[in-house]
Amino acid sequence: MSYTNYTPNPIDTSDVQLSEDILELTELLARNTHEVWAAGRKAQGWTYGSERDDAQKKHPCLVEYEELSDDEKSYDRNTAMETLKCIIKLGYKIEKQ
């Protein structure tokens, strides 16, 4: 199998506009995305470290979501936002009950 020919082809969500309610959901999902990631790392034996060290399983992002840098939060927000846009693009509705 050749990995050099892989070209990412995500669903085009550029025409999807998210409502204010869904934008609020984006932040909640971004926070949860971080929590799921952190729980997984901790379960694998990772702990906080001021610099990432894969050999010693240390990571600077093993902190509460609010303590993450804006760049790290942006990564989680983008993941959540693109997931929500993809759900809508695929014809599903998201409603607050």
PDB file of N, CA and C in Angstrom:
ATOM      1  N   MET A   1       0.843  -1.179   0.000  1.00  0.00           N
ATOM      2  CA  MET A   1       0.000   0.000   0.000  1.00  0.00           C
ATOM      3  C   MET A   1       0.890   1.245   0.000  1.00  0.00           C
ATOM      4  N   SER A   2       0.570   2.182  -0.858  1.00  0.00           N
ATOM      5  CA  SER A   2       1.354   3.410  -0.951  1.00  0.00           C
ATOM      6  C   SER A   2       0.632   4.548  -0.242  1.00  0.00           C
ATOM      7  N   TYR A   3       1.307   5.115   0.739  1.00  0.00           N
ATOM      8  CA  TYR A   3       0.715   6.223   1.482  1.00  0.00           C
ATOM      9  C   TYR A   3       1.046   7.569   0.854  1.00  0.00           C
ATOM     10  N   THR A   4       1.976   7.591  -0.065  1.00  0.00           N
ATOM     11  CA  THR A   4       2.387   8.861  -0.661  1.00  0.00           C
ATOM     12  C   THR A   4       1.356   9.406  -1.629  1.00  0.00           C
ATOM     13  N   ASN A   5       0.418   8.575  -2.079  1.00  0.00           N
ATOM     14  CA  ASN A   5      -0.596   9.031  -3.025  1.00  0.00           C
ATOM     15  C   ASN A   5      -1.880   9.497  -2.348  1.00  0.00           C
ATOM     16  N   TYR A   6      -1.918   9.459  -1.026  1.00  0.00           N
ATOM     17  CA  TYR A   6      -3.121   9.859  -0.305  1.00  0.00           C
ATOM     18  C   TYR A   6      -3.361  11.351  -0.447  1.00  0.00           C
ATOM     19  N   THR A   7      -4.587  11.702  -0.848  1.00  0.00           N
ATOM     20  CA  THR A   7      -4.999  13.094  -0.936  1.00  0.00           C
ATOM     21  C   THR A   7      -6.276  13.259  -0.112  1.00  0.00           C
ATOM     22  N   PRO A   8      -6.232  14.011   0.980  1.00  0.00           N
ATOM     23  CA  PRO A   8      -7.439  14.212   1.784  1.00  0.00           C
ATOM     24  C   PRO A   8      -8.561  14.825   0.955  1.00  0.00           C
ATOM     25  N   ASN A   9      -9.776  14.368   1.173  1.00  0.00           N
ATOM     26  CA  ASN A   9     -10.930  14.862   0.423  1.00  0.00           C
ATOM     27  C   ASN A   9     -12.138  14.992   1.348  1.00  0.00           C
ATOM     28  N   PRO A  10     -12.083  15.959   2.283  1.00  0.00           N
ATOM     29  CA  PRO A  10     -13.210  16.119   3.202  1.00  0.00           C
ATOM     30  C   PRO A  10     -14.445  16.647   2.473  1.00  0.00           C
ATOM     31  N   ILE A  11     -15.611  16.407   3.066  1.00  0.00           N
ATOM     32  CA  ILE A  11     -16.856  16.943   2.517  1.00  0.00           C
ATOM     33  C   ILE A  11     -16.776  18.461   2.553  1.00  0.00           C
ATOM     34  N   ASP A  12     -17.143  19.109   1.445  1.00  0.00           N
ATOM     35  CA  ASP A  12     -17.109  20.566   1.358  1.00  0.00           C
ATOM     36  C   ASP A  12     -18.267  21.148   2.164  1.00  0.00           C
ATOM     37  N   THR A  13     -17.952  21.806   3.250  1.00  0.00           N
ATOM     38  CA  THR A  13     -18.975  22.401   4.113  1.00  0.00           C
ATOM     39  C   THR A  13     -18.945  23.926   4.058  1.00  0.00           C
ATOM     40  N   SER A  14     -18.262  24.464   3.060  1.00  0.00           N
ATOM     41  CA  SER A  14     -18.073  25.921   3.003  1.00  0.00           C
ATOM     42  C   SER A  14     -19.379  26.691   2.838  1.00  0.00           C
ATOM     43  N   ASP A  15     -20.430  26.037   2.367  1.00  0.00           N
ATOM     44  CA  ASP A  15     -21.705  26.721   2.176  1.00  0.00           C
ATOM     45  C   ASP A  15     -22.652  26.554   3.364  1.00  0.00           C
ATOM     46  N   VAL A  16     -22.212  25.893   4.417  1.00  0.00           N
ATOM     47  CA  VAL A  16     -23.062  25.663   5.588  1.00  0.00           C
ATOM     48  C   VAL A  16     -22.858  26.790   6.594  1.00  0.00           C
ATOM     49  N   GLN A  17     -23.959  27.438   6.948  1.00  0.00           N
ATOM     50  CA  GLN A  17     -23.934  28.489   7.963  1.00  0.00           C
ATOM     51  C   GLN A  17     -24.542  27.935   9.246  1.00  0.00           C
ATOM     52  N   LEU A  18     -23.858  28.128  10.360  1.00  0.00           N
ATOM     53  CA  LEU A  18     -24.349  27.633  11.642  1.00  0.00           C
ATOM     54  C   LEU A  18     -25.105  28.730  12.375  1.00  0.00           C
ATOM     55  N   SER A  19     -26.238  28.361  12.977  1.00  0.00           N
ATOM     56  CA  SER A  19     -27.030  29.316  13.755  1.00  0.00           C
ATOM     57  C   SER A  19     -26.301  29.625  15.067  1.00  0.00           C
ATOM     58  N   GLU A  20     -26.792  30.643  15.776  1.00  0.00           N
ATOM     59  CA  GLU A  20     -26.193  31.013  17.063  1.00  0.00           C
ATOM     60  C   GLU A  20     -26.246  29.854  18.056  1.00  0.00           C
ATOM     61  N   ASP A  21     -27.386  29.128  18.085  1.00  0.00           N
ATOM     62  CA  ASP A  21     -27.509  27.984  18.994  1.00  0.00           C
ATOM     63  C   ASP A  21     -26.451  26.931  18.691  1.00  0.00           C
ATOM     64  N   ILE A  22     -26.241  26.682  17.416  1.00  0.00           N
ATOM     65  CA  ILE A  22     -25.271  25.659  17.021  1.00  0.00           C
ATOM     66  C   ILE A  22     -23.850  26.146  17.294  1.00  0.00           C
ATOM     67  N   LEU A  23     -23.600  27.436  17.127  1.00  0.00           N
ATOM     68  CA  LEU A  23     -22.279  27.973  17.460  1.00  0.00           C
ATOM     69  C   LEU A  23     -21.990  27.807  18.948  1.00  0.00           C
ATOM     70  N   GLU A  24     -23.010  27.968  19.795  1.00  0.00           N
ATOM     71  CA  GLU A  24     -22.832  27.725  21.233  1.00  0.00           C
ATOM     72  C   GLU A  24     -22.521  26.249  21.481  1.00  0.00           C
ATOM     73  N   LEU A  25     -23.186  25.377  20.740  1.00  0.00           N
ATOM     74  CA  LEU A  25     -22.932  23.944  20.847  1.00  0.00           C
ATOM     75  C   LEU A  25     -21.494  23.627  20.443  1.00  0.00           C
ATOM     76  N   THR A  26     -20.981  24.357  19.479  1.00  0.00           N
ATOM     77  CA  THR A  26     -19.601  24.151  19.028  1.00  0.00           C
ATOM     78  C   THR A  26     -18.627  24.279  20.187  1.00  0.00           C
ATOM     79  N   GLU A  27     -18.797  25.279  21.011  1.00  0.00           N
ATOM     80  CA  GLU A  27     -17.894  25.487  22.152  1.00  0.00           C
ATOM     81  C   GLU A  27     -18.017  24.355  23.167  1.00  0.00           C
ATOM     82  N   LEU A  28     -19.245  23.900  23.415  1.00  0.00           N
ATOM     83  CA  LEU A  28     -19.445  22.784  24.335  1.00  0.00           C
ATOM     84  C   LEU A  28     -18.789  21.511  23.797  1.00  0.00           C
ATOM     85  N   LEU A  29     -18.933  21.277  22.501  1.00  0.00           N
ATOM     86  CA  LEU A  29     -18.306  20.107  21.892  1.00  0.00           C
ATOM     87  C   LEU A  29     -16.788  20.227  21.874  1.00  0.00           C
ATOM     88  N   ALA A  30     -16.274  21.433  21.660  1.00  0.00           N
ATOM     89  CA  ALA A  30     -14.824  21.638  21.672  1.00  0.00           C
ATOM     90  C   ALA A  30     -14.264  21.297  23.051  1.00  0.00           C
ATOM     91  N   ARG A  31     -14.942  21.753  24.088  1.00  0.00           N
ATOM     92  CA  ARG A  31     -14.516  21.448  25.462  1.00  0.00           C
ATOM     93  C   ARG A  31     -14.556  19.931  25.684  1.00  0.00           C
ATOM     94  N   ASN A  32     -15.622  19.279  25.225  1.00  0.00           N
ATOM     95  CA  ASN A  32     -15.740  17.842  25.406  1.00  0.00           C
ATOM     96  C   ASN A  32     -14.697  17.086  24.584  1.00  0.00           C
ATOM     97  N   THR A  33     -14.400  17.578  23.395  1.00  0.00           N
ATOM     98  CA  THR A  33     -13.354  16.968  22.566  1.00  0.00           C
ATOM     99  C   THR A  33     -12.042  16.936  23.334  1.00  0.00           C
ATOM    100  N   HIS A  34     -11.724  18.042  23.984  1.00  0.00           N
ATOM    101  CA  HIS A  34     -10.496  18.102  24.778  1.00  0.00           C
ATOM    102  C   HIS A  34     -10.568  17.125  25.953  1.00  0.00           C
ATOM    103  N   GLU A  35     -11.707  17.073  26.620  1.00  0.00           N
ATOM    104  CA  GLU A  35     -11.863  16.175  27.768  1.00  0.00           C
ATOM    105  C   GLU A  35     -11.694  14.710  27.350  1.00  0.00           C
ATOM    106  N   VAL A  36     -12.279  14.332  26.212  1.00  0.00           N
ATOM    107  CA  VAL A  36     -12.150  12.953  25.713  1.00  0.00           C
ATOM    108  C   VAL A  36     -10.691  12.655  25.381  1.00  0.00           C
ATOM    109  N   TRP A  37     -10.036  13.587  24.700  1.00  0.00           N
ATOM    110  CA  TRP A  37      -8.617  13.418  24.345  1.00  0.00           C
ATOM    111  C   TRP A  37      -7.772  13.261  25.619  1.00  0.00           C
ATOM    112  N   ALA A  38      -7.994  14.165  26.597  1.00  0.00           N
ATOM    113  CA  ALA A  38      -7.196  14.140  27.827  1.00  0.00           C
ATOM    114  C   ALA A  38      -7.441  12.854  28.618  1.00  0.00           C
ATOM    115  N   ALA A  39      -8.690  12.410  28.690  1.00  0.00           N
ATOM    116  CA  ALA A  39      -8.993  11.167  29.404  1.00  0.00           C
ATOM    117  C   ALA A  39      -8.290   9.986  28.737  1.00  0.00           C
ATOM    118  N   GLY A  40      -8.277   9.980  27.411  1.00  0.00           N
ATOM    119  CA  GLY A  40      -7.588   8.913  26.688  1.00  0.00           C
ATOM    120  C   GLY A  40      -6.095   8.914  26.946  1.00  0.00           C
ATOM    121  N   ARG A  41      -5.499  10.087  26.930  1.00  0.00           N
ATOM    122  CA  ARG A  41      -4.057  10.191  27.206  1.00  0.00           C
ATOM    123  C   ARG A  41      -3.742   9.723  28.628  1.00  0.00           C
ATOM    124  N   LYS A  42      -4.534  10.196  29.588  1.00  0.00           N
ATOM    125  CA  LYS A  42      -4.285   9.800  30.981  1.00  0.00           C
ATOM    126  C   LYS A  42      -4.438   8.292  31.150  1.00  0.00           C
ATOM    127  N   ALA A  43      -5.411   7.705  30.470  1.00  0.00           N
ATOM    128  CA  ALA A  43      -5.605   6.252  30.543  1.00  0.00           C
ATOM    129  C   ALA A  43      -4.404   5.501  29.963  1.00  0.00           C
ATOM    130  N   GLN A  44      -3.682   6.148  29.054  1.00  0.00           N
ATOM    131  CA  GLN A  44      -2.478   5.553  28.463  1.00  0.00           C
ATOM    132  C   GLN A  44      -1.227   5.851  29.281  1.00  0.00           C
ATOM    133  N   GLY A  45      -1.398   6.533  30.412  1.00  0.00           N
ATOM    134  CA  GLY A  45      -0.271   6.801  31.292  1.00  0.00           C
ATOM    135  C   GLY A  45       0.405   8.149  31.097  1.00  0.00           C
ATOM    136  N   TRP A  46      -0.168   9.015  30.273  1.00  0.00           N
ATOM    137  CA  TRP A  46       0.405  10.337  30.060  1.00  0.00           C
ATOM    138  C   TRP A  46       0.120  11.229  31.256  1.00  0.00           C
ATOM    139  N   THR A  47       1.029  12.166  31.520  1.00  0.00           N
ATOM    140  CA  THR A  47       0.854  13.165  32.567  1.00  0.00           C
ATOM    141  C   THR A  47       1.247  14.523  32.014  1.00  0.00           C
ATOM    142  N   TYR A  48       0.942  15.556  32.792  1.00  0.00           N
ATOM    143  CA  TYR A  48       1.302  16.910  32.380  1.00  0.00           C
ATOM    144  C   TYR A  48       2.811  17.083  32.363  1.00  0.00           C
ATOM    145  N   GLY A  49       3.292  17.799  31.359  1.00  0.00           N
ATOM    146  CA  GLY A  49       4.681  18.222  31.285  1.00  0.00           C
ATOM    147  C   GLY A  49       4.728  19.545  30.560  1.00  0.00           C
ATOM    148  N   SER A  50       5.625  20.434  30.955  1.00  0.00           N
ATOM    149  CA  SER A  50       5.673  21.768  30.339  1.00  0.00           C
ATOM    150  C   SER A  50       6.035  21.701  28.851  1.00  0.00           C
ATOM    151  N   GLU A  51       6.678  20.604  28.443  1.00  0.00           N
ATOM    152  CA  GLU A  51       6.982  20.368  27.028  1.00  0.00           C
ATOM    153  C   GLU A  51       6.591  18.939  26.687  1.00  0.00           C
ATOM    154  N   ARG A  52       6.189  18.740  25.443  1.00  0.00           N
ATOM    155  CA  ARG A  52       5.811  17.397  25.021  1.00  0.00           C
ATOM    156  C   ARG A  52       7.033  16.492  24.982  1.00  0.00           C
ATOM    157  N   ASP A  53       6.884  15.314  25.547  1.00  0.00           N
ATOM    158  CA  ASP A  53       7.945  14.314  25.557  1.00  0.00           C
ATOM    159  C   ASP A  53       7.266  12.961  25.389  1.00  0.00           C
ATOM    160  N   ASP A  54       7.276  12.446  24.152  1.00  0.00           N
ATOM    161  CA  ASP A  54       6.593  11.183  23.867  1.00  0.00           C
ATOM    162  C   ASP A  54       7.205  10.014  24.626  1.00  0.00           C
ATOM    163  N   ALA A  55       8.501  10.010  24.785  1.00  0.00           N
ATOM    164  CA  ALA A  55       9.172   8.901  25.473  1.00  0.00           C
ATOM    165  C   ALA A  55       8.739   8.810  26.934  1.00  0.00           C
ATOM    166  N   GLN A  56       8.579   9.969  27.568  1.00  0.00           N
ATOM    167  CA  GLN A  56       8.177   9.985  28.977  1.00  0.00           C
ATOM    168  C   GLN A  56       6.672  10.209  29.157  1.00  0.00           C
ATOM    169  N   LYS A  57       5.962  10.268  28.047  1.00  0.00           N
ATOM    170  CA  LYS A  57       4.512  10.477  28.061  1.00  0.00           C
ATOM    171  C   LYS A  57       4.121  11.731  28.847  1.00  0.00           C
ATOM    172  N   LYS A  58       4.742  12.847  28.467  1.00  0.00           N
ATOM    173  CA  LYS A  58       4.436  14.148  29.066  1.00  0.00           C
ATOM    174  C   LYS A  58       3.817  15.028  27.977  1.00  0.00           C
ATOM    175  N   HIS A  59       2.793  15.803  28.336  1.00  0.00           N
ATOM    176  CA  HIS A  59       2.145  16.671  27.351  1.00  0.00           C
ATOM    177  C   HIS A  59       1.666  17.954  28.015  1.00  0.00           C
ATOM    178  N   PRO A  60       1.966  19.117  27.408  1.00  0.00           N
ATOM    179  CA  PRO A  60       1.581  20.397  28.009  1.00  0.00           C
ATOM    180  C   PRO A  60       0.083  20.702  27.906  1.00  0.00           C
ATOM    181  N   CYS A  61      -0.656  19.946  27.120  1.00  0.00           N
ATOM    182  CA  CYS A  61      -2.092  20.210  26.978  1.00  0.00           C
ATOM    183  C   CYS A  61      -2.950  19.393  27.939  1.00  0.00           C
ATOM    184  N   LEU A  62      -2.324  18.664  28.835  1.00  0.00           N
ATOM    185  CA  LEU A  62      -3.091  17.929  29.842  1.00  0.00           C
ATOM    186  C   LEU A  62      -3.459  18.862  30.989  1.00  0.00           C
ATOM    187  N   VAL A  63      -4.247  19.861  30.623  1.00  0.00           N
ATOM    188  CA  VAL A  63      -4.752  20.869  31.560  1.00  0.00           C
ATOM    189  C   VAL A  63      -6.239  21.074  31.255  1.00  0.00           C
ATOM    190  N   GLU A  64      -6.926  21.810  32.112  1.00  0.00           N
ATOM    191  CA  GLU A  64      -8.326  22.115  31.850  1.00  0.00           C
ATOM    192  C   GLU A  64      -8.446  22.926  30.557  1.00  0.00           C
ATOM    193  N   TYR A  65      -9.573  22.770  29.890  1.00  0.00           N
ATOM    194  CA  TYR A  65      -9.813  23.432  28.603  1.00  0.00           C
ATOM    195  C   TYR A  65      -9.546  24.934  28.687  1.00  0.00           C
ATOM    196  N   GLU A  66     -10.004  25.551  29.773  1.00  0.00           N
ATOM    197  CA  GLU A  66      -9.836  27.002  29.926  1.00  0.00           C
ATOM    198  C   GLU A  66      -8.368  27.423  29.968  1.00  0.00           C
ATOM    199  N   GLU A  67      -7.490  26.522  30.333  1.00  0.00           N
ATOM    200  CA  GLU A  67      -6.064  26.843  30.438  1.00  0.00           C
ATOM    201  C   GLU A  67      -5.304  26.626  29.126  1.00  0.00           C
ATOM    202  N   LEU A  68      -5.972  26.061  28.115  1.00  0.00           N
ATOM    203  CA  LEU A  68      -5.309  25.843  26.826  1.00  0.00           C
ATOM    204  C   LEU A  68      -5.017  27.175  26.140  1.00  0.00           C
ATOM    205  N   SER A  69      -4.016  27.173  25.285  1.00  0.00           N
ATOM    206  CA  SER A  69      -3.735  28.358  24.471  1.00  0.00           C
ATOM    207  C   SER A  69      -4.870  28.544  23.465  1.00  0.00           C
ATOM    208  N   ASP A  70      -4.981  29.738  22.914  1.00  0.00           N
ATOM    209  CA  ASP A  70      -6.004  29.999  21.904  1.00  0.00           C
ATOM    210  C   ASP A  70      -5.831  29.082  20.692  1.00  0.00           C
ATOM    211  N   ASP A  71      -4.592  28.782  20.325  1.00  0.00           N
ATOM    212  CA  ASP A  71      -4.343  27.880  19.196  1.00  0.00           C
ATOM    213  C   ASP A  71      -4.884  26.481  19.473  1.00  0.00           C
ATOM    214  N   GLU A  72      -4.679  25.978  20.678  1.00  0.00           N
ATOM    215  CA  GLU A  72      -5.176  24.650  21.035  1.00  0.00           C
ATOM    216  C   GLU A  72      -6.699  24.640  21.076  1.00  0.00           C
ATOM    217  N   LYS A  73      -7.295  25.676  21.656  1.00  0.00           N
ATOM    218  CA  LYS A  73      -8.751  25.768  21.681  1.00  0.00           C
ATOM    219  C   LYS A  73      -9.296  25.841  20.262  1.00  0.00           C
ATOM    220  N   SER A  74      -8.617  26.571  19.407  1.00  0.00           N
ATOM    221  CA  SER A  74      -9.044  26.716  18.017  1.00  0.00           C
ATOM    222  C   SER A  74      -9.072  25.366  17.304  1.00  0.00           C
ATOM    223  N   TYR A  75      -8.087  24.522  17.587  1.00  0.00           N
ATOM    224  CA  TYR A  75      -8.034  23.183  16.993  1.00  0.00           C
ATOM    225  C   TYR A  75      -9.278  22.388  17.394  1.00  0.00           C
ATOM    226  N   ASP A  76      -9.622  22.409  18.682  1.00  0.00           N
ATOM    227  CA  ASP A  76     -10.794  21.686  19.167  1.00  0.00           C
ATOM    228  C   ASP A  76     -12.082  22.288  18.609  1.00  0.00           C
ATOM    229  N   ARG A  77     -12.151  23.621  18.546  1.00  0.00           N
ATOM    230  CA  ARG A  77     -13.343  24.283  17.996  1.00  0.00           C
ATOM    231  C   ARG A  77     -13.533  23.935  16.530  1.00  0.00           C
ATOM    232  N   ASN A  78     -12.449  23.939  15.781  1.00  0.00           N
ATOM    233  CA  ASN A  78     -12.546  23.632  14.355  1.00  0.00           C
ATOM    234  C   ASN A  78     -13.032  22.197  14.143  1.00  0.00           C
ATOM    235  N   THR A  79     -12.515  21.266  14.944  1.00  0.00           N
ATOM    236  CA  THR A  79     -12.964  19.879  14.850  1.00  0.00           C
ATOM    237  C   THR A  79     -14.464  19.796  15.104  1.00  0.00           C
ATOM    238  N   ALA A  80     -14.934  20.441  16.162  1.00  0.00           N
ATOM    239  CA  ALA A  80     -16.359  20.426  16.502  1.00  0.00           C
ATOM    240  C   ALA A  80     -17.189  21.104  15.417  1.00  0.00           C
ATOM    241  N   MET A  81     -16.745  22.269  14.960  1.00  0.00           N
ATOM    242  CA  MET A  81     -17.498  23.028  13.974  1.00  0.00           C
ATOM    243  C   MET A  81     -17.609  22.275  12.651  1.00  0.00           C
ATOM    244  N   GLU A  82     -16.512  21.704  12.191  1.00  0.00           N
ATOM    245  CA  GLU A  82     -16.551  20.967  10.930  1.00  0.00           C
ATOM    246  C   GLU A  82     -17.412  19.717  11.043  1.00  0.00           C
ATOM    247  N   THR A  83     -17.431  19.088  12.220  1.00  0.00           N
ATOM    248  CA  THR A  83     -18.299  17.931  12.424  1.00  0.00           C
ATOM    249  C   THR A  83     -19.760  18.353  12.344  1.00  0.00           C
ATOM    250  N   LEU A  84     -20.114  19.446  13.001  1.00  0.00           N
ATOM    251  CA  LEU A  84     -21.485  19.934  12.958  1.00  0.00           C
ATOM    252  C   LEU A  84     -21.885  20.333  11.539  1.00  0.00           C
ATOM    253  N   LYS A  85     -21.013  21.023  10.835  1.00  0.00           N
ATOM    254  CA  LYS A  85     -21.300  21.409   9.455  1.00  0.00           C
ATOM    255  C   LYS A  85     -21.498  20.178   8.574  1.00  0.00           C
ATOM    256  N   CYS A  86     -20.689  19.162   8.781  1.00  0.00           N
ATOM    257  CA  CYS A  86     -20.795  17.937   8.002  1.00  0.00           C
ATOM    258  C   CYS A  86     -22.136  17.249   8.268  1.00  0.00           C
ATOM    259  N   ILE A  87     -22.549  17.201   9.523  1.00  0.00           N
ATOM    260  CA  ILE A  87     -23.839  16.599   9.876  1.00  0.00           C
ATOM    261  C   ILE A  87     -24.965  17.303   9.123  1.00  0.00           C
ATOM    262  N   ILE A  88     -24.935  18.637   9.123  1.00  0.00           N
ATOM    263  CA  ILE A  88     -25.955  19.419   8.435  1.00  0.00           C
ATOM    264  C   ILE A  88     -25.875  19.209   6.923  1.00  0.00           C
ATOM    265  N   LYS A  89     -24.684  19.220   6.386  1.00  0.00           N
ATOM    266  CA  LYS A  89     -24.486  19.027   4.951  1.00  0.00           C
ATOM    267  C   LYS A  89     -25.026  17.673   4.495  1.00  0.00           C
ATOM    268  N   LEU A  90     -24.941  16.671   5.362  1.00  0.00           N
ATOM    269  CA  LEU A  90     -25.416  15.334   5.032  1.00  0.00           C
ATOM    270  C   LEU A  90     -26.939  15.196   5.188  1.00  0.00           C
ATOM    271  N   GLY A  91     -27.600  16.311   5.549  1.00  0.00           N
ATOM    272  CA  GLY A  91     -29.059  16.313   5.582  1.00  0.00           C
ATOM    273  C   GLY A  91     -29.695  16.105   6.942  1.00  0.00           C
ATOM    274  N   TYR A  92     -28.897  16.076   7.984  1.00  0.00           N
ATOM    275  CA  TYR A  92     -29.436  15.907   9.329  1.00  0.00           C
ATOM    276  C   TYR A  92     -29.749  17.268   9.940  1.00  0.00           C
ATOM    277  N   LYS A  93     -30.660  17.267  10.899  1.00  0.00           N
ATOM    278  CA  LYS A  93     -31.008  18.498  11.621  1.00  0.00           C
ATOM    279  C   LYS A  93     -30.523  18.352  13.061  1.00  0.00           C
ATOM    280  N   ILE A  94     -30.058  19.448  13.591  1.00  0.00           N
ATOM    281  CA  ILE A  94     -29.636  19.490  14.995  1.00  0.00           C
ATOM    282  C   ILE A  94     -30.529  20.510  15.682  1.00  0.00           C
ATOM    283  N   GLU A  95     -31.268  20.057  16.681  1.00  0.00           N
ATOM    284  CA  GLU A  95     -32.177  20.930  17.395  1.00  0.00           C
ATOM    285  C   GLU A  95     -31.968  20.814  18.892  1.00  0.00           C
ATOM    286  N   LYS A  96     -32.068  21.929  19.554  1.00  0.00           N
ATOM    287  CA  LYS A  96     -32.019  21.927  21.014  1.00  0.00           C
ATOM    288  C   LYS A  96     -33.418  21.612  21.524  1.00  0.00           C
ATOM    289  N   GLN A  97     -33.495  20.691  22.457  1.00  0.00           N
ATOM    290  CA  GLN A  97     -34.816  20.319  22.987  1.00  0.00           C
ATOM    291  C   GLN A  97     -35.073  20.959  24.307  1.00  0.00           C
TER     292      GLN A  97
END
